């Protein structure tokens, strides 16, 4: 049995998500305790001391979705591990002023050698602290562009877990339930791999080895500040299967090709052809999930005559082949439909 008494602090701020906060709490609390009780019939204590900490101390705190919690401690001590759960904030918000006290504590913890781990959008608070400058990182796929705008941060949107920093001091998980990967990683690092495996079996956790890309929505939000480009966006959303779609948008815009390309990239963050690919691939994903049409037929319906090119592009952008995507998400959609109709 590995040695215990490791101190983990889960940072609570008003924007934190209760599901991630207490999901991680439950998993850490189970370490060394529940397998012994459920499988071996022995009463054991948890090997990890886990606390919810907040700048309000033990005063009740209302967090995301109106959930009321009672933290265990304030920010006066430095734990062995700090975990920042998912936070419900807009991707482009600056958290440096509104959470200055938490940021100062994070910097202190980092300086004194604590491991700092983030789940999902929690990486945005870590980035606001400046501790990610010059480091590799990941976060929920919807926050990757915003995270990449912090100086020196190299974002890996496709990865569900990134470990970086001096001494592997910074650990970041991607979106959704990849906090489970983060928690298992920390258990394996603090205790041992066998304990992490026992928890994976108890909680029915599958490692997110395919990363985040298969779950990501490729299409970007609409842009309306440049009226000419916005009109082209609206048109291409309904005509993405058109042959020579970029040339058609240039004709519609009545702009010189060079000016159109520059304004489109400035407005959307993508080149015109990259934007077309995002629309086509999002429609492809929907068809693969919802129909039994052949992959060749789906490719042609969204504008790709070259099926081999389409397959390579899909794999590069989505992280799975079209057949793998259909098997995973088409099956999931059908199970949900069957369950609703049962």
C-alpha atoms as a PDB file:
ATOM      1  CA  UNK A   1       0.000   0.000   0.000  1.00  0.00           C
ATOM      2  CA  UNK A   2       1.489   3.400  -0.971  1.00  0.00           C
ATOM      3  CA  UNK A   3       2.106   6.070   1.623  1.00  0.00           C
ATOM      4  CA  UNK A   4      -0.625   8.644   2.070  1.00  0.00           C
ATOM      5  CA  UNK A   5      -0.977  12.075   3.680  1.00  0.00           C
ATOM      6  CA  UNK A   6      -0.589  13.970   0.403  1.00  0.00           C
ATOM      7  CA  UNK A   7      -2.413  17.306   0.572  1.00  0.00           C
ATOM      8  CA  UNK A   8      -4.545  18.301  -2.434  1.00  0.00           C
ATOM      9  CA  UNK A   9      -6.355  21.658  -2.547  1.00  0.00           C
ATOM     10  CA  UNK A  10      -9.252  22.142  -4.952  1.00  0.00           C
ATOM     11  CA  UNK A  11      -9.598  25.854  -5.663  1.00  0.00           C
ATOM     12  CA  UNK A  12     -13.169  27.159  -5.577  1.00  0.00           C
ATOM     13  CA  UNK A  13     -14.101  30.475  -7.170  1.00  0.00           C
ATOM     14  CA  UNK A  14     -17.638  31.702  -7.965  1.00  0.00           C
ATOM     15  CA  UNK A  15     -17.331  30.490 -11.580  1.00  0.00           C
ATOM     16  CA  UNK A  16     -16.196  26.950 -10.796  1.00  0.00           C
ATOM     17  CA  UNK A  17     -18.323  23.979 -11.927  1.00  0.00           C
ATOM     18  CA  UNK A  18     -19.577  21.804  -9.071  1.00  0.00           C
ATOM     19  CA  UNK A  19     -19.503  18.607 -11.145  1.00  0.00           C
ATOM     20  CA  UNK A  20     -15.762  18.866 -11.771  1.00  0.00           C
ATOM     21  CA  UNK A  21     -14.974  20.188  -8.286  1.00  0.00           C
ATOM     22  CA  UNK A  22     -16.719  17.382  -6.451  1.00  0.00           C
ATOM     23  CA  UNK A  23     -16.058  14.743  -9.087  1.00  0.00           C
ATOM     24  CA  UNK A  24     -12.347  15.227  -8.472  1.00  0.00           C
ATOM     25  CA  UNK A  25     -12.966  15.403  -4.716  1.00  0.00           C
ATOM     26  CA  UNK A  26     -14.789  12.049  -4.744  1.00  0.00           C
ATOM     27  CA  UNK A  27     -12.127  10.343  -6.840  1.00  0.00           C
ATOM     28  CA  UNK A  28      -9.267  11.577  -4.648  1.00  0.00           C
ATOM     29  CA  UNK A  29     -11.169  10.650  -1.479  1.00  0.00           C
ATOM     30  CA  UNK A  30     -11.643   7.119  -2.834  1.00  0.00           C
ATOM     31  CA  UNK A  31      -7.894   6.500  -3.162  1.00  0.00           C
ATOM     32  CA  UNK A  32      -6.800   3.692  -0.834  1.00  0.00           C
ATOM     33  CA  UNK A  33     -10.244   3.462   0.728  1.00  0.00           C
ATOM     34  CA  UNK A  34     -12.987   2.181  -1.555  1.00  0.00           C
ATOM     35  CA  UNK A  35     -11.208  -0.702  -3.291  1.00  0.00           C
ATOM     36  CA  UNK A  36     -10.193  -2.071   0.111  1.00  0.00           C
ATOM     37  CA  UNK A  37     -13.781  -1.768   1.359  1.00  0.00           C
ATOM     38  CA  UNK A  38     -15.680  -2.990  -1.694  1.00  0.00           C
ATOM     39  CA  UNK A  39     -13.349  -5.707  -2.983  1.00  0.00           C
ATOM     40  CA  UNK A  40     -11.308  -6.819   0.010  1.00  0.00           C
ATOM     41  CA  UNK A  41     -13.722  -6.103   2.867  1.00  0.00           C
ATOM     42  CA  UNK A  42     -11.267  -3.923   4.791  1.00  0.00           C
ATOM     43  CA  UNK A  43     -11.914  -0.534   6.356  1.00  0.00           C
ATOM     44  CA  UNK A  44      -9.178   1.901   5.342  1.00  0.00           C
ATOM     45  CA  UNK A  45      -8.677   5.671   5.388  1.00  0.00           C
ATOM     46  CA  UNK A  46      -8.223   7.686   2.204  1.00  0.00           C
ATOM     47  CA  UNK A  47      -4.582   8.075   1.241  1.00  0.00           C
ATOM     48  CA  UNK A  48      -5.124  11.647   0.041  1.00  0.00           C
ATOM     49  CA  UNK A  49      -6.082  14.619   2.168  1.00  0.00           C
ATOM     50  CA  UNK A  50      -8.359  16.649  -0.064  1.00  0.00           C
ATOM     51  CA  UNK A  51      -9.794  20.069   0.747  1.00  0.00           C
ATOM     52  CA  UNK A  52     -11.842  22.685  -1.059  1.00  0.00           C
ATOM     53  CA  UNK A  53     -10.175  26.066  -0.558  1.00  0.00           C
ATOM     54  CA  UNK A  54     -11.427  29.569  -1.332  1.00  0.00           C
ATOM     55  CA  UNK A  55     -10.474  33.141  -0.576  1.00  0.00           C
ATOM     56  CA  UNK A  56     -13.677  33.343   1.501  1.00  0.00           C
ATOM     57  CA  UNK A  57     -12.288  30.693   3.852  1.00  0.00           C
ATOM     58  CA  UNK A  58     -15.008  28.505   5.342  1.00  0.00           C
ATOM     59  CA  UNK A  59     -17.758  30.992   4.513  1.00  0.00           C
ATOM     60  CA  UNK A  60     -20.431  29.493   2.196  1.00  0.00           C
ATOM     61  CA  UNK A  61     -19.880  30.266  -1.463  1.00  0.00           C
ATOM     62  CA  UNK A  62     -22.268  30.214  -4.409  1.00  0.00           C
ATOM     63  CA  UNK A  63     -20.605  28.774  -7.497  1.00  0.00           C
ATOM     64  CA  UNK A  64     -21.706  28.105 -11.096  1.00  0.00           C
ATOM     65  CA  UNK A  65     -25.335  27.184 -11.701  1.00  0.00           C
ATOM     66  CA  UNK A  66     -26.283  28.497  -8.261  1.00  0.00           C
ATOM     67  CA  UNK A  67     -24.721  25.610  -6.330  1.00  0.00           C
ATOM     68  CA  UNK A  68     -24.002  26.519  -2.706  1.00  0.00           C
ATOM     69  CA  UNK A  69     -20.841  25.053  -1.179  1.00  0.00           C
ATOM     70  CA  UNK A  70     -18.939  25.290   2.105  1.00  0.00           C
ATOM     71  CA  UNK A  71     -15.161  25.408   1.540  1.00  0.00           C
ATOM     72  CA  UNK A  72     -12.843  23.729   4.025  1.00  0.00           C
ATOM     73  CA  UNK A  73     -10.085  26.339   4.263  1.00  0.00           C
ATOM     74  CA  UNK A  74      -8.730  29.660   3.039  1.00  0.00           C
ATOM     75  CA  UNK A  75      -5.652  30.401   0.907  1.00  0.00           C
ATOM     76  CA  UNK A  76      -3.203  30.799   3.770  1.00  0.00           C
ATOM     77  CA  UNK A  77      -1.310  27.524   3.285  1.00  0.00           C
ATOM     78  CA  UNK A  78       0.555  25.904   0.403  1.00  0.00           C
ATOM     79  CA  UNK A  79      -0.570  22.336  -0.391  1.00  0.00           C
ATOM     80  CA  UNK A  80       1.376  19.691  -2.279  1.00  0.00           C
ATOM     81  CA  UNK A  81      -1.063  19.893  -5.205  1.00  0.00           C
ATOM     82  CA  UNK A  82      -3.401  22.672  -6.362  1.00  0.00           C
ATOM     83  CA  UNK A  83      -6.257  21.746  -8.690  1.00  0.00           C
ATOM     84  CA  UNK A  84      -8.199  24.398 -10.600  1.00  0.00           C
ATOM     85  CA  UNK A  85     -11.456  22.842 -11.830  1.00  0.00           C
ATOM     86  CA  UNK A  86     -13.463  23.931 -14.851  1.00  0.00           C
ATOM     87  CA  UNK A  87     -14.661  27.540 -14.721  1.00  0.00           C
ATOM     88  CA  UNK A  88     -17.749  28.924 -16.452  1.00  0.00           C
ATOM     89  CA  UNK A  89     -16.341  32.102 -18.019  1.00  0.00           C
ATOM     90  CA  UNK A  90     -16.402  33.472 -21.578  1.00  0.00           C
ATOM     91  CA  UNK A  91     -13.233  32.419 -23.436  1.00  0.00           C
ATOM     92  CA  UNK A  92     -11.980  35.982 -23.974  1.00  0.00           C
ATOM     93  CA  UNK A  93     -12.480  37.280 -20.412  1.00  0.00           C
ATOM     94  CA  UNK A  94      -9.462  38.614 -18.499  1.00  0.00           C
ATOM     95  CA  UNK A  95      -9.437  37.054 -15.011  1.00  0.00           C
ATOM     96  CA  UNK A  96      -6.306  38.814 -13.761  1.00  0.00           C
ATOM     97  CA  UNK A  97      -8.071  41.618 -11.857  1.00  0.00           C
ATOM     98  CA  UNK A  98     -11.226  39.846 -10.706  1.00  0.00           C
ATOM     99  CA  UNK A  99      -9.195  36.957  -9.267  1.00  0.00           C
ATOM    100  CA  UNK A 100      -6.031  38.767  -8.166  1.00  0.00           C
ATOM    101  CA  UNK A 101      -6.037  37.079  -4.737  1.00  0.00           C
ATOM    102  CA  UNK A 102      -6.251  33.578  -6.218  1.00  0.00           C
ATOM    103  CA  UNK A 103      -3.547  34.432  -8.776  1.00  0.00           C
ATOM    104  CA  UNK A 104      -1.197  35.660  -6.073  1.00  0.00           C
ATOM    105  CA  UNK A 105      -1.766  32.394  -4.181  1.00  0.00           C
ATOM    106  CA  UNK A 106      -1.119  30.318  -7.306  1.00  0.00           C
ATOM    107  CA  UNK A 107       2.172  32.114  -7.873  1.00  0.00           C
ATOM    108  CA  UNK A 108       3.149  31.505  -4.265  1.00  0.00           C
ATOM    109  CA  UNK A 109       2.256  27.815  -4.501  1.00  0.00           C
ATOM    110  CA  UNK A 110       4.239  27.495  -7.726  1.00  0.00           C
ATOM    111  CA  UNK A 111       7.258  29.253  -6.239  1.00  0.00           C
ATOM    112  CA  UNK A 112       7.203  26.876  -3.264  1.00  0.00           C
ATOM    113  CA  UNK A 113       7.132  23.799  -5.488  1.00  0.00           C
ATOM    114  CA  UNK A 114       3.482  22.760  -5.483  1.00  0.00           C
ATOM    115  CA  UNK A 115       2.093  20.880  -8.465  1.00  0.00           C
ATOM    116  CA  UNK A 116      -0.566  22.964 -10.213  1.00  0.00           C
ATOM    117  CA  UNK A 117      -3.186  21.092 -12.198  1.00  0.00           C
ATOM    118  CA  UNK A 118      -6.064  22.500 -14.242  1.00  0.00           C
ATOM    119  CA  UNK A 119      -9.166  20.875 -15.637  1.00  0.00           C
ATOM    120  CA  UNK A 120     -10.848  22.154 -18.777  1.00  0.00           C
ATOM    121  CA  UNK A 121     -11.249  25.963 -18.791  1.00  0.00           C
ATOM    122  CA  UNK A 122      -9.441  26.205 -15.434  1.00  0.00           C
ATOM    123  CA  UNK A 123      -6.322  26.713 -17.541  1.00  0.00           C
ATOM    124  CA  UNK A 124      -7.533  30.254 -18.258  1.00  0.00           C
ATOM    125  CA  UNK A 125      -6.933  31.256 -14.634  1.00  0.00           C
ATOM    126  CA  UNK A 126      -3.473  29.693 -14.743  1.00  0.00           C
ATOM    127  CA  UNK A 127      -2.702  31.604 -17.939  1.00  0.00           C
ATOM    128  CA  UNK A 128      -3.858  34.844 -16.308  1.00  0.00           C
ATOM    129  CA  UNK A 129      -1.293  34.235 -13.582  1.00  0.00           C
ATOM    130  CA  UNK A 130       1.524  34.323 -16.142  1.00  0.00           C
ATOM    131  CA  UNK A 131       2.761  30.883 -15.112  1.00  0.00           C
ATOM    132  CA  UNK A 132       2.118  29.438 -18.575  1.00  0.00           C
ATOM    133  CA  UNK A 133       4.416  31.839 -20.415  1.00  0.00           C
ATOM    134  CA  UNK A 134       6.854  29.775 -22.463  1.00  0.00           C
ATOM    135  CA  UNK A 135       5.002  26.551 -21.607  1.00  0.00           C
ATOM    136  CA  UNK A 136       2.988  23.940 -23.463  1.00  0.00           C
ATOM    137  CA  UNK A 137      -0.687  23.762 -22.502  1.00  0.00           C
ATOM    138  CA  UNK A 138      -4.136  22.459 -23.270  1.00  0.00           C
ATOM    139  CA  UNK A 139      -7.692  23.336 -22.279  1.00  0.00           C
ATOM    140  CA  UNK A 140     -11.218  22.732 -23.535  1.00  0.00           C
ATOM    141  CA  UNK A 141     -11.247  22.942 -27.329  1.00  0.00           C
ATOM    142  CA  UNK A 142     -13.573  25.977 -27.224  1.00  0.00           C
ATOM    143  CA  UNK A 143     -10.970  27.914 -25.180  1.00  0.00           C
ATOM    144  CA  UNK A 144      -7.835  26.981 -27.133  1.00  0.00           C
ATOM    145  CA  UNK A 145      -7.781  30.083 -29.337  1.00  0.00           C
ATOM    146  CA  UNK A 146      -8.188  32.368 -26.320  1.00  0.00           C
ATOM    147  CA  UNK A 147      -5.494  30.504 -24.386  1.00  0.00           C
ATOM    148  CA  UNK A 148      -3.088  30.780 -27.326  1.00  0.00           C
ATOM    149  CA  UNK A 149      -3.343  34.580 -27.186  1.00  0.00           C
ATOM    150  CA  UNK A 150      -1.454  34.650 -23.881  1.00  0.00           C
ATOM    151  CA  UNK A 151       2.238  35.422 -24.479  1.00  0.00           C
ATOM    152  CA  UNK A 152       4.447  32.417 -25.072  1.00  0.00           C
ATOM    153  CA  UNK A 153       1.776  29.756 -24.512  1.00  0.00           C
ATOM    154  CA  UNK A 154       1.962  26.829 -26.951  1.00  0.00           C
ATOM    155  CA  UNK A 155      -1.481  25.225 -27.020  1.00  0.00           C
ATOM    156  CA  UNK A 156      -2.118  21.610 -28.047  1.00  0.00           C
ATOM    157  CA  UNK A 157      -5.856  21.500 -28.867  1.00  0.00           C
ATOM    158  CA  UNK A 158      -5.776  17.816 -29.785  1.00  0.00           C
ATOM    159  CA  UNK A 159      -4.376  16.567 -26.479  1.00  0.00           C
ATOM    160  CA  UNK A 160      -6.475  15.589 -23.468  1.00  0.00           C
ATOM    161  CA  UNK A 161      -3.536  15.912 -21.049  1.00  0.00           C
ATOM    162  CA  UNK A 162      -0.371  18.047 -21.126  1.00  0.00           C
ATOM    163  CA  UNK A 163       2.405  17.911 -18.528  1.00  0.00           C
ATOM    164  CA  UNK A 164       4.964  20.717 -18.574  1.00  0.00           C
ATOM    165  CA  UNK A 165       6.931  23.218 -16.568  1.00  0.00           C
ATOM    166  CA  UNK A 166      10.147  22.719 -14.640  1.00  0.00           C
ATOM    167  CA  UNK A 167       9.968  19.372 -12.891  1.00  0.00           C
ATOM    168  CA  UNK A 168       6.663  18.613 -14.641  1.00  0.00           C
ATOM    169  CA  UNK A 169       5.056  21.015 -12.189  1.00  0.00           C
ATOM    170  CA  UNK A 170       2.180  22.077 -14.466  1.00  0.00           C
ATOM    171  CA  UNK A 171      -0.489  19.547 -15.484  1.00  0.00           C
ATOM    172  CA  UNK A 172      -3.445  20.467 -17.687  1.00  0.00           C
ATOM    173  CA  UNK A 173      -6.420  18.423 -18.848  1.00  0.00           C
ATOM    174  CA  UNK A 174      -8.606  19.251 -21.829  1.00  0.00           C
ATOM    175  CA  UNK A 175     -12.367  19.614 -21.849  1.00  0.00           C
ATOM    176  CA  UNK A 176     -15.319  17.716 -20.479  1.00  0.00           C
ATOM    177  CA  UNK A 177     -14.582  14.566 -18.514  1.00  0.00           C
ATOM    178  CA  UNK A 178     -10.852  14.625 -19.226  1.00  0.00           C
ATOM    179  CA  UNK A 179     -10.612  15.808 -15.594  1.00  0.00           C
ATOM    180  CA  UNK A 180     -10.819  12.076 -14.892  1.00  0.00           C
ATOM    181  CA  UNK A 181      -7.546  11.564 -16.780  1.00  0.00           C
ATOM    182  CA  UNK A 182      -6.038  14.391 -14.739  1.00  0.00           C
ATOM    183  CA  UNK A 183      -7.143  12.872 -11.436  1.00  0.00           C
ATOM    184  CA  UNK A 184      -5.865   9.416 -12.368  1.00  0.00           C
ATOM    185  CA  UNK A 185      -2.533  10.909 -13.465  1.00  0.00           C
ATOM    186  CA  UNK A 186      -2.175  12.678 -10.119  1.00  0.00           C
ATOM    187  CA  UNK A 187      -3.059   9.537  -8.165  1.00  0.00           C
ATOM    188  CA  UNK A 188      -0.473   7.550 -10.135  1.00  0.00           C
ATOM    189  CA  UNK A 189       2.132  10.256  -9.537  1.00  0.00           C
ATOM    190  CA  UNK A 190       1.422  10.790  -5.831  1.00  0.00           C
ATOM    191  CA  UNK A 191       0.699   7.166  -4.893  1.00  0.00           C
ATOM    192  CA  UNK A 192       1.307   4.549  -7.594  1.00  0.00           C
ATOM    193  CA  UNK A 193      -0.018   3.242 -10.897  1.00  0.00           C
ATOM    194  CA  UNK A 194      -1.803   0.308  -9.292  1.00  0.00           C
ATOM    195  CA  UNK A 195      -3.938   2.597  -7.131  1.00  0.00           C
ATOM    196  CA  UNK A 196      -4.815   4.677 -10.180  1.00  0.00           C
ATOM    197  CA  UNK A 197      -5.811   1.489 -12.017  1.00  0.00           C
ATOM    198  CA  UNK A 198      -8.036   0.437  -9.117  1.00  0.00           C
ATOM    199  CA  UNK A 199      -9.811   3.792  -9.228  1.00  0.00           C
ATOM    200  CA  UNK A 200     -10.248   3.537 -13.009  1.00  0.00           C
ATOM    201  CA  UNK A 201     -11.949   0.183 -12.503  1.00  0.00           C
ATOM    202  CA  UNK A 202     -14.153   1.398  -9.654  1.00  0.00           C
ATOM    203  CA  UNK A 203     -15.286   4.530 -11.492  1.00  0.00           C
ATOM    204  CA  UNK A 204     -15.467   2.892 -14.981  1.00  0.00           C
ATOM    205  CA  UNK A 205     -13.042   5.449 -16.419  1.00  0.00           C
ATOM    206  CA  UNK A 206     -11.692   5.153 -19.963  1.00  0.00           C
ATOM    207  CA  UNK A 207      -8.557   7.163 -20.764  1.00  0.00           C
ATOM    208  CA  UNK A 208      -9.221   9.790 -23.442  1.00  0.00           C
ATOM    209  CA  UNK A 209      -6.505   8.421 -25.701  1.00  0.00           C
ATOM    210  CA  UNK A 210      -8.105   9.865 -28.828  1.00  0.00           C
ATOM    211  CA  UNK A 211      -7.751  13.393 -27.471  1.00  0.00           C
ATOM    212  CA  UNK A 212     -10.251  16.227 -27.965  1.00  0.00           C
ATOM    213  CA  UNK A 213     -10.437  16.726 -31.718  1.00  0.00           C
ATOM    214  CA  UNK A 214     -13.223  14.206 -32.406  1.00  0.00           C
ATOM    215  CA  UNK A 215     -15.461  16.114 -29.975  1.00  0.00           C
ATOM    216  CA  UNK A 216     -14.623  19.632 -31.178  1.00  0.00           C
ATOM    217  CA  UNK A 217     -16.925  21.763 -33.267  1.00  0.00           C
ATOM    218  CA  UNK A 218     -14.772  22.974 -36.144  1.00  0.00           C
ATOM    219  CA  UNK A 219     -16.946  25.840 -37.350  1.00  0.00           C
ATOM    220  CA  UNK A 220     -16.167  29.213 -35.817  1.00  0.00           C
ATOM    221  CA  UNK A 221     -18.687  31.694 -34.476  1.00  0.00           C
ATOM    222  CA  UNK A 222     -20.246  34.082 -36.972  1.00  0.00           C
ATOM    223  CA  UNK A 223     -18.485  37.375 -37.606  1.00  0.00           C
ATOM    224  CA  UNK A 224     -20.583  40.447 -38.331  1.00  0.00           C
ATOM    225  CA  UNK A 225     -18.310  43.493 -37.950  1.00  0.00           C
ATOM    226  CA  UNK A 226     -17.178  43.388 -41.595  1.00  0.00           C
ATOM    227  CA  UNK A 227     -20.451  43.471 -43.518  1.00  0.00           C
ATOM    228  CA  UNK A 228     -18.899  42.257 -46.772  1.00  0.00           C
ATOM    229  CA  UNK A 229     -17.292  39.226 -45.150  1.00  0.00           C
ATOM    230  CA  UNK A 230     -20.402  38.549 -43.088  1.00  0.00           C
ATOM    231  CA  UNK A 231     -22.439  38.390 -46.322  1.00  0.00           C
ATOM    232  CA  UNK A 232     -19.938  35.920 -47.757  1.00  0.00           C
ATOM    233  CA  UNK A 233     -20.110  33.827 -44.591  1.00  0.00           C
ATOM    234  CA  UNK A 234     -23.872  33.674 -44.849  1.00  0.00           C
ATOM    235  CA  UNK A 235     -23.673  32.662 -48.495  1.00  0.00           C
ATOM    236  CA  UNK A 236     -21.027  29.956 -48.020  1.00  0.00           C
ATOM    237  CA  UNK A 237     -22.949  28.463 -45.097  1.00  0.00           C
ATOM    238  CA  UNK A 238     -25.625  27.499 -47.634  1.00  0.00           C
ATOM    239  CA  UNK A 239     -23.348  26.758 -50.610  1.00  0.00           C
ATOM    240  CA  UNK A 240     -20.229  25.105 -49.124  1.00  0.00           C
ATOM    241  CA  UNK A 241     -20.520  22.197 -51.570  1.00  0.00           C
ATOM    242  CA  UNK A 242     -20.063  24.552 -54.531  1.00  0.00           C
ATOM    243  CA  UNK A 243     -17.105  23.942 -56.830  1.00  0.00           C
ATOM    244  CA  UNK A 244     -14.488  26.718 -56.532  1.00  0.00           C
ATOM    245  CA  UNK A 245     -16.188  28.185 -53.415  1.00  0.00           C
ATOM    246  CA  UNK A 246     -13.501  30.775 -52.711  1.00  0.00           C
ATOM    247  CA  UNK A 247     -13.701  32.203 -56.223  1.00  0.00           C
ATOM    248  CA  UNK A 248     -17.477  32.406 -55.820  1.00  0.00           C
ATOM    249  CA  UNK A 249     -17.123  34.360 -52.549  1.00  0.00           C
ATOM    250  CA  UNK A 250     -14.629  36.734 -54.157  1.00  0.00           C
ATOM    251  CA  UNK A 251     -17.115  37.427 -56.954  1.00  0.00           C
ATOM    252  CA  UNK A 252     -19.843  38.024 -54.375  1.00  0.00           C
ATOM    253  CA  UNK A 253     -17.657  40.406 -52.351  1.00  0.00           C
ATOM    254  CA  UNK A 254     -16.637  42.464 -55.412  1.00  0.00           C
ATOM    255  CA  UNK A 255     -13.221  42.844 -53.800  1.00  0.00           C
ATOM    256  CA  UNK A 256      -9.814  42.200 -55.365  1.00  0.00           C
ATOM    257  CA  UNK A 257      -8.668  38.680 -54.477  1.00  0.00           C
ATOM    258  CA  UNK A 258      -5.809  39.883 -52.307  1.00  0.00           C
ATOM    259  CA  UNK A 259      -8.023  42.291 -50.345  1.00  0.00           C
ATOM    260  CA  UNK A 260     -10.700  39.623 -49.903  1.00  0.00           C
ATOM    261  CA  UNK A 261      -8.230  37.070 -48.559  1.00  0.00           C
ATOM    262  CA  UNK A 262      -6.758  39.599 -46.128  1.00  0.00           C
ATOM    263  CA  UNK A 263     -10.122  40.812 -44.829  1.00  0.00           C
ATOM    264  CA  UNK A 264     -11.525  37.298 -44.540  1.00  0.00           C
ATOM    265  CA  UNK A 265      -8.546  36.108 -42.480  1.00  0.00           C
ATOM    266  CA  UNK A 266      -8.687  39.207 -40.311  1.00  0.00           C
ATOM    267  CA  UNK A 267     -12.417  38.739 -39.685  1.00  0.00           C
ATOM    268  CA  UNK A 268     -12.565  34.991 -39.088  1.00  0.00           C
ATOM    269  CA  UNK A 269      -9.056  33.912 -38.134  1.00  0.00           C
ATOM    270  CA  UNK A 270      -9.035  31.470 -41.051  1.00  0.00           C
ATOM    271  CA  UNK A 271      -8.167  31.637 -44.703  1.00  0.00           C
ATOM    272  CA  UNK A 272     -11.224  31.405 -46.986  1.00  0.00           C
ATOM    273  CA  UNK A 273     -10.446  27.801 -47.962  1.00  0.00           C
ATOM    274  CA  UNK A 274      -9.814  26.775 -44.355  1.00  0.00           C
ATOM    275  CA  UNK A 275     -13.193  28.250 -43.481  1.00  0.00           C
ATOM    276  CA  UNK A 276     -14.857  26.255 -46.246  1.00  0.00           C
ATOM    277  CA  UNK A 277     -13.207  23.087 -44.955  1.00  0.00           C
ATOM    278  CA  UNK A 278     -14.579  23.701 -41.451  1.00  0.00           C
ATOM    279  CA  UNK A 279     -18.123  24.024 -42.760  1.00  0.00           C
ATOM    280  CA  UNK A 280     -17.803  20.978 -44.996  1.00  0.00           C
ATOM    281  CA  UNK A 281     -16.312  18.811 -42.257  1.00  0.00           C
ATOM    282  CA  UNK A 282     -18.955  19.819 -39.715  1.00  0.00           C
ATOM    283  CA  UNK A 283     -21.654  18.773 -42.200  1.00  0.00           C
ATOM    284  CA  UNK A 284     -19.699  15.573 -42.848  1.00  0.00           C
ATOM    285  CA  UNK A 285     -19.707  14.760 -39.136  1.00  0.00           C
ATOM    286  CA  UNK A 286     -23.469  15.251 -38.969  1.00  0.00           C
ATOM    287  CA  UNK A 287     -24.047  12.976 -41.959  1.00  0.00           C
ATOM    288  CA  UNK A 288     -21.710  10.291 -40.633  1.00  0.00           C
ATOM    289  CA  UNK A 289     -23.593  10.313 -37.335  1.00  0.00           C
ATOM    290  CA  UNK A 290     -27.116  10.381 -38.707  1.00  0.00           C
ATOM    291  CA  UNK A 291     -27.072   8.460 -42.031  1.00  0.00           C
ATOM    292  CA  UNK A 292     -25.843   5.211 -43.521  1.00  0.00           C
ATOM    293  CA  UNK A 293     -24.648   6.843 -46.741  1.00  0.00           C
ATOM    294  CA  UNK A 294     -21.273   5.607 -47.958  1.00  0.00           C
ATOM    295  CA  UNK A 295     -18.266   7.698 -47.032  1.00  0.00           C
ATOM    296  CA  UNK A 296     -17.644   8.390 -50.728  1.00  0.00           C
ATOM    297  CA  UNK A 297     -21.207   9.655 -51.119  1.00  0.00           C
ATOM    298  CA  UNK A 298     -20.947  11.869 -48.055  1.00  0.00           C
ATOM    299  CA  UNK A 299     -17.653  13.317 -49.281  1.00  0.00           C
ATOM    300  CA  UNK A 300     -19.144  14.185 -52.662  1.00  0.00           C
ATOM    301  CA  UNK A 301     -22.273  15.704 -51.110  1.00  0.00           C
ATOM    302  CA  UNK A 302     -20.210  18.269 -49.193  1.00  0.00           C
ATOM    303  CA  UNK A 303     -17.987  19.140 -52.153  1.00  0.00           C
ATOM    304  CA  UNK A 304     -15.076  16.677 -52.204  1.00  0.00           C
ATOM    305  CA  UNK A 305     -14.639  14.737 -55.434  1.00  0.00           C
ATOM    306  CA  UNK A 306     -11.295  13.284 -54.337  1.00  0.00           C
ATOM    307  CA  UNK A 307     -12.215  10.778 -51.617  1.00  0.00           C
ATOM    308  CA  UNK A 308      -8.585  10.083 -50.703  1.00  0.00           C
ATOM    309  CA  UNK A 309      -7.918  13.797 -50.109  1.00  0.00           C
ATOM    310  CA  UNK A 310     -11.125  14.032 -48.118  1.00  0.00           C
ATOM    311  CA  UNK A 311     -10.077  11.107 -45.910  1.00  0.00           C
ATOM    312  CA  UNK A 312      -6.665  12.616 -45.175  1.00  0.00           C
ATOM    313  CA  UNK A 313      -8.172  16.020 -44.412  1.00  0.00           C
ATOM    314  CA  UNK A 314     -10.823  14.559 -42.118  1.00  0.00           C
ATOM    315  CA  UNK A 315      -8.250  12.555 -40.167  1.00  0.00           C
ATOM    316  CA  UNK A 316      -5.973  15.581 -39.782  1.00  0.00           C
ATOM    317  CA  UNK A 317      -8.749  17.920 -38.624  1.00  0.00           C
ATOM    318  CA  UNK A 318     -10.905  15.530 -36.580  1.00  0.00           C
ATOM    319  CA  UNK A 319      -8.375  13.037 -35.263  1.00  0.00           C
ATOM    320  CA  UNK A 320     -10.246   9.960 -36.523  1.00  0.00           C
ATOM    321  CA  UNK A 321     -10.891   8.485 -39.930  1.00  0.00           C
ATOM    322  CA  UNK A 322     -14.450   8.974 -41.230  1.00  0.00           C
ATOM    323  CA  UNK A 323     -15.172   5.292 -40.555  1.00  0.00           C
ATOM    324  CA  UNK A 324     -13.851   5.536 -36.986  1.00  0.00           C
ATOM    325  CA  UNK A 325     -15.884   8.685 -36.386  1.00  0.00           C
ATOM    326  CA  UNK A 326     -19.069   7.027 -37.642  1.00  0.00           C
ATOM    327  CA  UNK A 327     -18.495   3.942 -35.498  1.00  0.00           C
ATOM    328  CA  UNK A 328     -18.020   5.989 -32.339  1.00  0.00           C
ATOM    329  CA  UNK A 329     -20.502   8.814 -32.683  1.00  0.00           C
ATOM    330  CA  UNK A 330     -23.068   7.211 -34.961  1.00  0.00           C
ATOM    331  CA  UNK A 331     -23.391   4.400 -32.431  1.00  0.00           C
ATOM    332  CA  UNK A 332     -23.703   6.904 -29.582  1.00  0.00           C
ATOM    333  CA  UNK A 333     -26.421   8.842 -31.409  1.00  0.00           C
ATOM    334  CA  UNK A 334     -28.359   5.644 -32.117  1.00  0.00           C
ATOM    335  CA  UNK A 335     -28.155   4.529 -28.488  1.00  0.00           C
ATOM    336  CA  UNK A 336     -29.540   7.889 -27.403  1.00  0.00           C
ATOM    337  CA  UNK A 337     -32.367   7.665 -29.957  1.00  0.00           C
ATOM    338  CA  UNK A 338     -33.185   4.121 -28.898  1.00  0.00           C
ATOM    339  CA  UNK A 339     -33.190   5.144 -25.255  1.00  0.00           C
ATOM    340  CA  UNK A 340     -35.532   8.058 -25.890  1.00  0.00           C
ATOM    341  CA  UNK A 341     -37.961   5.875 -27.826  1.00  0.00           C
ATOM    342  CA  UNK A 342     -37.896   2.982 -25.347  1.00  0.00           C
END
